[in-house]
Amino acid sequence: WFLRDLRTPFGGMKQSGIGREGGM
C-alpha cells in the first residue's frame, strides 16, 4: 500500500477524479 513510482499514472475513476498525473 502507498508504494509509488512517480513515473506511473495517478488518479481516480468515477467520482474520484478526472485525468492522471505522474511522469509523462
PDB file of all heavy atoms in Angstrom:
ATOM      1  N   TRP A   1       0.854  -1.199   0.000  1.00  0.00           N
ATOM      2  CA  TRP A   1       0.000   0.000   0.000  1.00  0.00           C
ATOM      3  C   TRP A   1       0.885   1.243   0.000  1.00  0.00           C
ATOM      4  O   TRP A   1       1.945   1.265   0.631  1.00  0.00           O
ATOM      5  CB  TRP A   1      -0.909   0.022   1.242  1.00  0.00           C
ATOM      6  CG  TRP A   1      -1.784   1.251   1.324  1.00  0.00           C
ATOM      7  CD1 TRP A   1      -2.906   1.502   0.596  1.00  0.00           C
ATOM      8  CD2 TRP A   1      -1.599   2.394   2.168  1.00  0.00           C
ATOM      9  NE1 TRP A   1      -3.436   2.724   0.936  1.00  0.00           N
ATOM     10  CE2 TRP A   1      -2.642   3.297   1.910  1.00  0.00           C
ATOM     11  CE3 TRP A   1      -0.635   2.735   3.124  1.00  0.00           C
ATOM     12  CZ2 TRP A   1      -2.762   4.524   2.558  1.00  0.00           C
ATOM     13  CZ3 TRP A   1      -0.759   3.961   3.767  1.00  0.00           C
ATOM     14  CH2 TRP A   1      -1.807   4.837   3.489  1.00  0.00           C
ATOM     15  N   PHE A   2       0.480   2.261  -0.722  1.00  0.00           N
ATOM     16  CA  PHE A   2       1.142   3.571  -0.757  1.00  0.00           C
ATOM     17  C   PHE A   2       2.567   3.484  -1.314  1.00  0.00           C
ATOM     18  O   PHE A   2       3.421   4.308  -1.016  1.00  0.00           O
ATOM     19  CB  PHE A   2       1.166   4.192   0.646  1.00  0.00           C
ATOM     20  CG  PHE A   2       1.093   5.709   0.623  1.00  0.00           C
ATOM     21  CD1 PHE A   2      -0.016   6.345   0.126  1.00  0.00           C
ATOM     22  CD2 PHE A   2       2.123   6.481   1.122  1.00  0.00           C
ATOM     23  CE1 PHE A   2      -0.095   7.734   0.110  1.00  0.00           C
ATOM     24  CE2 PHE A   2       2.066   7.870   1.104  1.00  0.00           C
ATOM     25  CZ  PHE A   2       0.942   8.496   0.599  1.00  0.00           C
ATOM     26  N   LEU A   3       2.823   2.467  -2.126  1.00  0.00           N
ATOM     27  CA  LEU A   3       4.114   2.334  -2.782  1.00  0.00           C
ATOM     28  C   LEU A   3       4.000   3.002  -4.139  1.00  0.00           C
ATOM     29  O   LEU A   3       3.251   2.544  -4.997  1.00  0.00           O
ATOM     30  CB  LEU A   3       4.478   0.856  -2.926  1.00  0.00           C
ATOM     31  CG  LEU A   3       5.838   0.523  -3.544  1.00  0.00           C
ATOM     32  CD1 LEU A   3       6.975   1.119  -2.723  1.00  0.00           C
ATOM     33  CD2 LEU A   3       5.998  -0.995  -3.657  1.00  0.00           C
ATOM     34  N   ARG A   4       4.745   4.104  -4.327  1.00  0.00           N
ATOM     35  CA  ARG A   4       4.550   4.933  -5.516  1.00  0.00           C
ATOM     36  C   ARG A   4       5.831   5.087  -6.320  1.00  0.00           C
ATOM     37  O   ARG A   4       6.881   5.411  -5.792  1.00  0.00           O
ATOM     38  CB  ARG A   4       4.054   6.332  -5.114  1.00  0.00           C
ATOM     39  CG  ARG A   4       2.644   6.376  -4.595  1.00  0.00           C
ATOM     40  CD  ARG A   4       1.629   6.471  -5.735  1.00  0.00           C
ATOM     41  NE  ARG A   4       1.731   7.764  -6.405  1.00  0.00           N
ATOM     42  CZ  ARG A   4       2.024   7.926  -7.695  1.00  0.00           C
ATOM     43  NH1 ARG A   4       2.269   6.898  -8.457  1.00  0.00           N
ATOM     44  NH2 ARG A   4       2.101   9.129  -8.223  1.00  0.00           N
ATOM     45  N   ASP A   5       5.711   4.861  -7.623  1.00  0.00           N
ATOM     46  CA  ASP A   5       6.726   5.235  -8.594  1.00  0.00           C
ATOM     47  C   ASP A   5       6.174   6.468  -9.302  1.00  0.00           C
ATOM     48  O   ASP A   5       5.110   6.409  -9.924  1.00  0.00           O
ATOM     49  CB  ASP A   5       6.947   4.078  -9.576  1.00  0.00           C
ATOM     50  CG  ASP A   5       8.027   4.367 -10.618  1.00  0.00           C
ATOM     51  OD1 ASP A   5       8.214   5.547 -10.982  1.00  0.00           O
ATOM     52  OD2 ASP A   5       8.676   3.407 -11.078  1.00  0.00           O
ATOM     53  N   LEU A   6       6.875   7.590  -9.202  1.00  0.00           N
ATOM     54  CA  LEU A   6       6.309   8.847  -9.699  1.00  0.00           C
ATOM     55  C   LEU A   6       6.203   8.914 -11.214  1.00  0.00           C
ATOM     56  O   LEU A   6       5.644   9.871 -11.752  1.00  0.00           O
ATOM     57  CB  LEU A   6       7.127  10.032  -9.175  1.00  0.00           C
ATOM     58  CG  LEU A   6       7.201  10.180  -7.657  1.00  0.00           C
ATOM     59  CD1 LEU A   6       7.758  11.549  -7.284  1.00  0.00           C
ATOM     60  CD2 LEU A   6       5.839   9.979  -6.997  1.00  0.00           C
ATOM     61  N   ARG A   7       6.689   7.899 -11.909  1.00  0.00           N
ATOM     62  CA  ARG A   7       6.515   7.848 -13.365  1.00  0.00           C
ATOM     63  C   ARG A   7       5.150   7.293 -13.754  1.00  0.00           C
ATOM     64  O   ARG A   7       4.727   7.434 -14.907  1.00  0.00           O
ATOM     65  CB  ARG A   7       7.605   6.969 -13.992  1.00  0.00           C
ATOM     66  CG  ARG A   7       9.017   7.497 -13.801  1.00  0.00           C
ATOM     67  CD  ARG A   7      10.046   6.478 -14.221  1.00  0.00           C
ATOM     68  NE  ARG A   7      10.015   5.299 -13.351  1.00  0.00           N
ATOM     69  CZ  ARG A   7      10.838   4.261 -13.474  1.00  0.00           C
ATOM     70  NH1 ARG A   7      11.746   4.245 -14.431  1.00  0.00           N
ATOM     71  NH2 ARG A   7      10.752   3.232 -12.641  1.00  0.00           N
ATOM     72  N   THR A   8       4.464   6.648 -12.817  1.00  0.00           N
ATOM     73  CA  THR A   8       3.238   5.922 -13.147  1.00  0.00           C
ATOM     74  C   THR A   8       2.008   6.822 -13.061  1.00  0.00           C
ATOM     75  O   THR A   8       2.017   7.846 -12.379  1.00  0.00           O
ATOM     76  CB  THR A   8       3.060   4.727 -12.199  1.00  0.00           C
ATOM     77  OG1 THR A   8       2.978   5.210 -10.850  1.00  0.00           O
ATOM     78  CG2 THR A   8       4.236   3.767 -12.322  1.00  0.00           C
ATOM     79  N   PRO A   9       0.913   6.431 -13.745  1.00  0.00           N
ATOM     80  CA  PRO A   9      -0.299   7.267 -13.705  1.00  0.00           C
ATOM     81  C   PRO A   9      -0.958   7.240 -12.331  1.00  0.00           C
ATOM     82  O   PRO A   9      -1.098   6.180 -11.717  1.00  0.00           O
ATOM     83  CB  PRO A   9      -1.203   6.630 -14.764  1.00  0.00           C
ATOM     84  CG  PRO A   9      -0.708   5.227 -14.911  1.00  0.00           C
ATOM     85  CD  PRO A   9       0.760   5.284 -14.660  1.00  0.00           C
ATOM     86  N   PHE A  10      -1.371   8.420 -11.875  1.00  0.00           N
ATOM     87  CA  PHE A  10      -2.019   8.576 -10.578  1.00  0.00           C
ATOM     88  C   PHE A  10      -3.315   9.335 -10.780  1.00  0.00           C
ATOM     89  O   PHE A  10      -3.327  10.441 -11.326  1.00  0.00           O
ATOM     90  CB  PHE A  10      -1.101   9.340  -9.616  1.00  0.00           C
ATOM     91  CG  PHE A  10      -1.694   9.554  -8.244  1.00  0.00           C
ATOM     92  CD1 PHE A  10      -1.503   8.625  -7.242  1.00  0.00           C
ATOM     93  CD2 PHE A  10      -2.445  10.684  -7.963  1.00  0.00           C
ATOM     94  CE1 PHE A  10      -2.050   8.813  -5.982  1.00  0.00           C
ATOM     95  CE2 PHE A  10      -3.006  10.883  -6.709  1.00  0.00           C
ATOM     96  CZ  PHE A  10      -2.797   9.942  -5.710  1.00  0.00           C
ATOM     97  N   GLY A  11      -4.426   8.763 -10.321  1.00  0.00           N
ATOM     98  CA  GLY A  11      -5.715   9.431 -10.442  1.00  0.00           C
ATOM     99  C   GLY A  11      -6.841   8.441 -10.223  1.00  0.00           C
ATOM    100  O   GLY A  11      -6.610   7.250 -10.016  1.00  0.00           O
ATOM    101  N   GLY A  12      -8.070   8.930 -10.265  1.00  0.00           N
ATOM    102  CA  GLY A  12      -9.212   8.104  -9.917  1.00  0.00           C
ATOM    103  C   GLY A  12     -10.213   7.933 -11.030  1.00  0.00           C
ATOM    104  O   GLY A  12     -10.210   8.667 -12.026  1.00  0.00           O
ATOM    105  N   MET A  13     -11.081   6.954 -10.850  1.00  0.00           N
ATOM    106  CA  MET A  13     -12.218   6.719 -11.738  1.00  0.00           C
ATOM    107  C   MET A  13     -13.489   7.247 -11.071  1.00  0.00           C
ATOM    108  O   MET A  13     -13.485   7.617  -9.907  1.00  0.00           O
ATOM    109  CB  MET A  13     -12.386   5.215 -12.001  1.00  0.00           C
ATOM    110  CG  MET A  13     -11.245   4.559 -12.733  1.00  0.00           C
ATOM    111  SD  MET A  13     -11.609   2.798 -12.976  1.00  0.00           S
ATOM    112  CE  MET A  13     -10.148   2.286 -13.886  1.00  0.00           C
ATOM    113  N   LYS A  14     -14.566   7.239 -11.840  1.00  0.00           N
ATOM    114  CA  LYS A  14     -15.885   7.650 -11.347  1.00  0.00           C
ATOM    115  C   LYS A  14     -15.781   9.009 -10.634  1.00  0.00           C
ATOM    116  O   LYS A  14     -15.173   9.934 -11.184  1.00  0.00           O
ATOM    117  CB  LYS A  14     -16.472   6.536 -10.471  1.00  0.00           C
ATOM    118  CG  LYS A  14     -16.681   5.233 -11.251  1.00  0.00           C
ATOM    119  CD  LYS A  14     -17.433   4.172 -10.469  1.00  0.00           C
ATOM    120  CE  LYS A  14     -16.575   3.381  -9.550  1.00  0.00           C
ATOM    121  NZ  LYS A  14     -17.261   2.178  -9.008  1.00  0.00           N
ATOM    122  N   GLN A  15     -16.334   9.135  -9.433  1.00  0.00           N
ATOM    123  CA  GLN A  15     -16.317  10.436  -8.766  1.00  0.00           C
ATOM    124  C   GLN A  15     -15.050  10.659  -7.937  1.00  0.00           C
ATOM    125  O   GLN A  15     -15.009  11.542  -7.080  1.00  0.00           O
ATOM    126  CB  GLN A  15     -17.561  10.583  -7.891  1.00  0.00           C
ATOM    127  CG  GLN A  15     -18.846  10.658  -8.704  1.00  0.00           C
ATOM    128  CD  GLN A  15     -20.054  11.056  -7.876  1.00  0.00           C
ATOM    129  OE1 GLN A  15     -19.949  11.704  -6.836  1.00  0.00           O
ATOM    130  NE2 GLN A  15     -21.229  10.669  -8.344  1.00  0.00           N
ATOM    131  N   SER A  16     -14.019   9.879  -8.230  1.00  0.00           N
ATOM    132  CA  SER A  16     -12.734  10.071  -7.549  1.00  0.00           C
ATOM    133  C   SER A  16     -11.743  10.871  -8.385  1.00  0.00           C
ATOM    134  O   SER A  16     -10.602  11.055  -7.959  1.00  0.00           O
ATOM    135  CB  SER A  16     -12.108   8.717  -7.196  1.00  0.00           C
ATOM    136  OG  SER A  16     -12.764   8.136  -6.094  1.00  0.00           O
ATOM    137  N   GLY A  17     -12.154  11.342  -9.557  1.00  0.00           N
ATOM    138  CA  GLY A  17     -11.222  12.195 -10.271  1.00  0.00           C
ATOM    139  C   GLY A  17     -11.393  12.197 -11.767  1.00  0.00           C
ATOM    140  O   GLY A  17     -12.156  11.429 -12.350  1.00  0.00           O
ATOM    141  N   ILE A  18     -10.627  13.092 -12.384  1.00  0.00           N
ATOM    142  CA  ILE A  18     -10.577  13.236 -13.838  1.00  0.00           C
ATOM    143  C   ILE A  18      -9.119  13.389 -14.222  1.00  0.00           C
ATOM    144  O   ILE A  18      -8.404  14.248 -13.691  1.00  0.00           O
ATOM    145  CB  ILE A  18     -11.363  14.467 -14.324  1.00  0.00           C
ATOM    146  CG1 ILE A  18     -12.853  14.325 -13.993  1.00  0.00           C
ATOM    147  CG2 ILE A  18     -11.177  14.684 -15.821  1.00  0.00           C
ATOM    148  CD1 ILE A  18     -13.656  15.571 -14.303  1.00  0.00           C
ATOM    149  N   GLY A  19      -8.646  12.558 -15.141  1.00  0.00           N
ATOM    150  CA  GLY A  19      -7.287  12.682 -15.631  1.00  0.00           C
ATOM    151  C   GLY A  19      -6.292  11.935 -14.764  1.00  0.00           C
ATOM    152  O   GLY A  19      -6.639  11.332 -13.738  1.00  0.00           O
ATOM    153  N   ARG A  20      -5.032  11.988 -15.181  1.00  0.00           N
ATOM    154  CA  ARG A  20      -3.945  11.318 -14.481  1.00  0.00           C
ATOM    155  C   ARG A  20      -2.759  12.263 -14.344  1.00  0.00           C
ATOM    156  O   ARG A  20      -2.513  13.106 -15.209  1.00  0.00           O
ATOM    157  CB  ARG A  20      -3.503  10.057 -15.242  1.00  0.00           C
ATOM    158  CG  ARG A  20      -4.562   8.961 -15.320  1.00  0.00           C
ATOM    159  CD  ARG A  20      -4.863   8.395 -13.939  1.00  0.00           C
ATOM    160  NE  ARG A  20      -5.838   7.309 -13.982  1.00  0.00           N
ATOM    161  CZ  ARG A  20      -7.137   7.476 -13.838  1.00  0.00           C
ATOM    162  NH1 ARG A  20      -7.638   8.712 -13.692  1.00  0.00           N
ATOM    163  NH2 ARG A  20      -7.959   6.440 -13.836  1.00  0.00           N
ATOM    164  N   GLU A  21      -2.032  12.090 -13.244  1.00  0.00           N
ATOM    165  CA  GLU A  21      -0.794  12.832 -13.018  1.00  0.00           C
ATOM    166  C   GLU A  21       0.322  11.829 -12.769  1.00  0.00           C
ATOM    167  O   GLU A  21       0.081  10.660 -12.490  1.00  0.00           O
ATOM    168  CB  GLU A  21      -0.946  13.774 -11.826  1.00  0.00           C
ATOM    169  CG  GLU A  21      -1.957  14.884 -12.054  1.00  0.00           C
ATOM    170  CD  GLU A  21      -2.122  15.775 -10.831  1.00  0.00           C
ATOM    171  OE1 GLU A  21      -2.408  15.234  -9.748  1.00  0.00           O
ATOM    172  OE2 GLU A  21      -1.963  16.988 -10.966  1.00  0.00           O
ATOM    173  N   GLY A  22       1.560  12.300 -12.853  1.00  0.00           N
ATOM    174  CA  GLY A  22       2.709  11.434 -12.671  1.00  0.00           C
ATOM    175  C   GLY A  22       3.467  11.273 -13.968  1.00  0.00           C
ATOM    176  O   GLY A  22       2.877  10.957 -15.011  1.00  0.00           O
ATOM    177  N   GLY A  23       4.794  11.487 -13.929  1.00  0.00           N
ATOM    178  CA  GLY A  23       5.618  11.289 -15.109  1.00  0.00           C
ATOM    179  C   GLY A  23       5.079  12.021 -16.326  1.00  0.00           C
ATOM    180  O   GLY A  23       4.723  13.200 -16.281  1.00  0.00           O
ATOM    181  N   MET A  24       4.991  11.309 -17.447  1.00  0.00           N
ATOM    182  CA  MET A  24       4.532  11.911 -18.694  1.00  0.00           C
ATOM    183  C   MET A  24       3.093  12.390 -18.607  1.00  0.00           C
ATOM    184  O   MET A  24       2.693  13.337 -19.284  1.00  0.00           O
ATOM    185  CB  MET A  24       4.665  10.874 -19.820  1.00  0.00           C
ATOM    186  CG  MET A  24       4.503  11.468 -21.209  1.00  0.00           C
ATOM    187  SD  MET A  24       5.788  12.696 -21.514  1.00  0.00           S
ATOM    188  CE  MET A  24       4.892  13.842 -22.546  1.00  0.00           C
TER     189      MET A  24
END
